[in-house]
Amino acid sequence: MGYWFIVHDLKSYQQHPELIGHVKPDRSFRSIRENDRIVYYAKGKKLVGVFRVTQPGRILRKDKYWHEKDLVYEIKPVVLPPSPLDFEAANFEITMLRRTTTRLTEKQYRHVLCWLLHSSSCARLFQQSLSFSPPSWSARRLG
């Protein structure tokens, strides 16, 4: 299973909450596979949530919002806050925010997941010492 940090935008999420796509996908974006996990980050330092890729990538056909021929992946929420959260990627040792797609280590992914779930027991479960201030919302685990 792969872990990815995807930089997108809130407008795209509002248009297609079930898809993540890219008009000119680089090699990293094309490397995403079914069952991989995506940390969905929106421009403006907002974390939309954590998602699971449910289908292999496909080329988008006619769509009223996005370009034809975009490479898209169907996604399903794993942990979804009620609204996007303020998020400083550097606090999670995530860099390269100028790129659309950044591969995450399992540790980085778990760090974000524990932060979202605002759970010290999560950190113990993963046997990690994590230092973070949890967000102020009740987590919804979806899948």
Protein backbone atom coordinates (compact mmCIF):
# COMPACT_ATOMS: atom_id res chain seq x y z
CA MET A 1 0.00 0.00 0.00
CA GLY A 2 1.25 3.46 -0.87
CA TYR A 3 0.72 6.72 0.99
CA TRP A 4 0.40 9.99 -0.86
CA PHE A 5 0.13 13.67 -0.05
CA ILE A 6 -1.91 15.27 -2.83
CA VAL A 7 -2.09 19.05 -3.26
CA HIS A 8 -5.39 19.99 -4.88
CA ASP A 9 -7.91 22.74 -4.23
CA LEU A 10 -11.19 23.10 -2.38
CA LYS A 11 -13.14 23.97 -5.53
CA SER A 12 -12.12 20.66 -7.13
CA TYR A 13 -13.15 18.79 -3.98
CA GLN A 14 -16.54 20.53 -3.98
CA GLN A 15 -17.04 19.65 -7.64
CA HIS A 16 -16.00 16.01 -7.28
CA PRO A 17 -15.59 14.79 -3.68
CA GLU A 18 -15.38 11.24 -5.03
CA LEU A 19 -12.41 11.93 -7.37
CA ILE A 20 -8.86 13.19 -7.30
CA GLY A 21 -7.38 14.12 -10.66
CA HIS A 22 -4.64 15.85 -12.57
CA VAL A 23 -4.64 17.30 -16.07
CA LYS A 24 -0.89 16.70 -16.63
CA PRO A 25 -0.03 13.83 -14.31
CA ASP A 26 3.61 13.32 -13.46
CA ARG A 27 5.15 9.91 -12.80
CA SER A 28 4.30 10.09 -9.09
CA PHE A 29 0.62 10.77 -9.74
CA ARG A 30 0.49 7.93 -12.26
CA SER A 31 2.03 5.63 -9.61
CA ILE A 32 -1.04 5.76 -7.36
CA ARG A 33 -2.77 2.39 -7.08
CA GLU A 34 -6.06 1.01 -5.84
CA ASN A 35 -6.19 0.81 -1.99
CA ASP A 36 -3.45 3.41 -1.58
CA ARG A 37 -4.15 6.12 0.98
CA ILE A 38 -4.29 9.82 0.14
CA VAL A 39 -3.85 12.76 2.47
CA TYR A 40 -5.89 15.38 0.60
CA TYR A 41 -4.40 18.84 1.11
CA ALA A 42 -6.02 21.92 -0.39
CA LYS A 43 -4.15 25.07 -1.34
CA GLY A 44 -4.45 27.59 1.46
CA LYS A 45 -3.08 25.20 4.11
CA LYS A 46 -6.26 23.16 4.53
CA LEU A 47 -6.50 19.43 5.15
CA VAL A 48 -9.62 17.97 3.54
CA GLY A 49 -9.19 14.46 4.96
CA VAL A 50 -7.69 11.04 4.42
CA PHE A 51 -9.03 8.90 1.58
CA ARG A 52 -8.63 5.42 0.12
CA VAL A 53 -8.26 4.95 -3.63
CA THR A 54 -11.10 2.63 -4.66
CA GLN A 55 -10.45 2.17 -8.39
CA PRO A 56 -7.44 2.12 -10.69
CA GLY A 57 -6.77 5.40 -12.48
CA ARG A 58 -8.82 6.20 -15.54
CA ILE A 59 -9.09 8.94 -18.13
CA LEU A 60 -11.98 11.30 -17.48
CA ARG A 61 -14.55 11.60 -20.23
CA LYS A 62 -16.98 14.48 -20.67
CA ASP A 63 -17.34 16.46 -17.46
CA LYS A 64 -18.87 19.86 -16.78
CA TYR A 65 -16.16 20.86 -14.28
CA TRP A 66 -12.89 19.17 -15.17
CA HIS A 67 -10.92 18.75 -18.39
CA GLU A 68 -11.49 15.80 -20.62
CA LYS A 69 -8.52 13.47 -20.53
CA ASP A 70 -7.62 14.25 -16.89
CA LEU A 71 -6.24 11.20 -15.11
CA VAL A 72 -8.58 10.57 -12.17
CA TYR A 73 -8.84 8.14 -9.29
CA GLU A 74 -12.02 7.35 -7.42
CA ILE A 75 -11.61 7.96 -3.69
CA LYS A 76 -13.58 7.20 -0.55
CA PRO A 77 -13.10 8.94 2.81
CA VAL A 78 -11.29 7.13 5.62
CA VAL A 79 -11.29 10.05 8.07
CA LEU A 80 -13.19 13.18 7.13
CA PRO A 81 -13.54 16.27 9.32
CA PRO A 82 -16.82 18.22 9.02
CA SER A 83 -14.92 20.94 7.15
CA PRO A 84 -11.31 21.35 5.98
CA LEU A 85 -8.87 21.95 8.83
CA ASP A 86 -5.97 24.37 9.13
CA PHE A 87 -2.87 22.30 8.48
CA GLU A 88 0.84 23.03 8.55
CA ALA A 89 2.49 20.26 6.52
CA ALA A 90 5.94 21.15 7.87
CA ASN A 91 4.79 20.07 11.36
CA PHE A 92 4.51 16.55 9.92
CA GLU A 93 7.84 16.65 8.09
CA ILE A 94 6.02 16.90 4.75
CA THR A 95 7.79 19.03 2.16
CA MET A 96 7.66 19.54 -1.60
CA LEU A 97 4.27 21.28 -1.50
CA ARG A 98 4.92 22.80 -4.92
CA ARG A 99 4.41 19.36 -6.42
CA THR A 100 0.94 17.88 -6.85
CA THR A 101 1.98 14.46 -5.59
CA THR A 102 4.40 13.56 -2.83
CA ARG A 103 4.96 10.02 -1.58
CA LEU A 104 4.64 9.77 2.19
CA THR A 105 6.34 7.33 4.50
CA GLU A 106 4.08 5.15 6.59
CA LYS A 107 5.24 7.11 9.65
CA GLN A 108 4.22 10.45 8.08
CA TYR A 109 0.85 9.01 7.10
CA ARG A 110 0.24 7.64 10.60
CA HIS A 111 1.29 10.94 12.14
CA VAL A 112 -1.36 12.78 10.10
CA LEU A 113 -3.94 10.09 10.85
CA CYS A 114 -3.28 10.26 14.60
CA TRP A 115 -3.51 14.05 14.48
CA LEU A 116 -6.86 13.84 12.69
CA LEU A 117 -8.16 11.31 15.18
CA HIS A 118 -6.62 13.45 17.97
CA SER A 119 -5.75 10.33 19.82
CA SER A 120 -2.75 9.57 21.98
CA SER A 121 -3.88 5.94 21.97
CA CYS A 122 -3.43 6.01 18.19
CA ALA A 123 0.21 7.00 18.66
CA ARG A 124 0.67 4.19 21.21
CA LEU A 125 -0.97 1.76 18.80
CA PHE A 126 1.61 2.65 16.17
CA GLN A 127 4.36 2.70 18.84
CA GLN A 128 5.36 6.22 17.94
CA SER A 129 6.05 9.27 20.00
CA LEU A 130 4.22 12.06 18.25
CA SER A 131 4.02 15.65 19.33
CA PHE A 132 1.10 17.61 17.98
CA SER A 133 -1.86 19.68 19.01
CA PRO A 134 -4.99 17.85 17.90
CA PRO A 135 -7.70 19.61 15.91
CA SER A 136 -10.89 20.56 17.71
CA TRP A 137 -13.53 18.36 16.11
CA SER A 138 -14.93 14.88 16.52
CA ALA A 139 -13.44 12.43 14.05
CA ARG A 140 -15.68 10.42 11.78
CA ARG A 141 -14.09 7.16 10.76
CA LEU A 142 -15.66 6.15 7.51
CA GLY A 143 -13.81 3.19 6.13
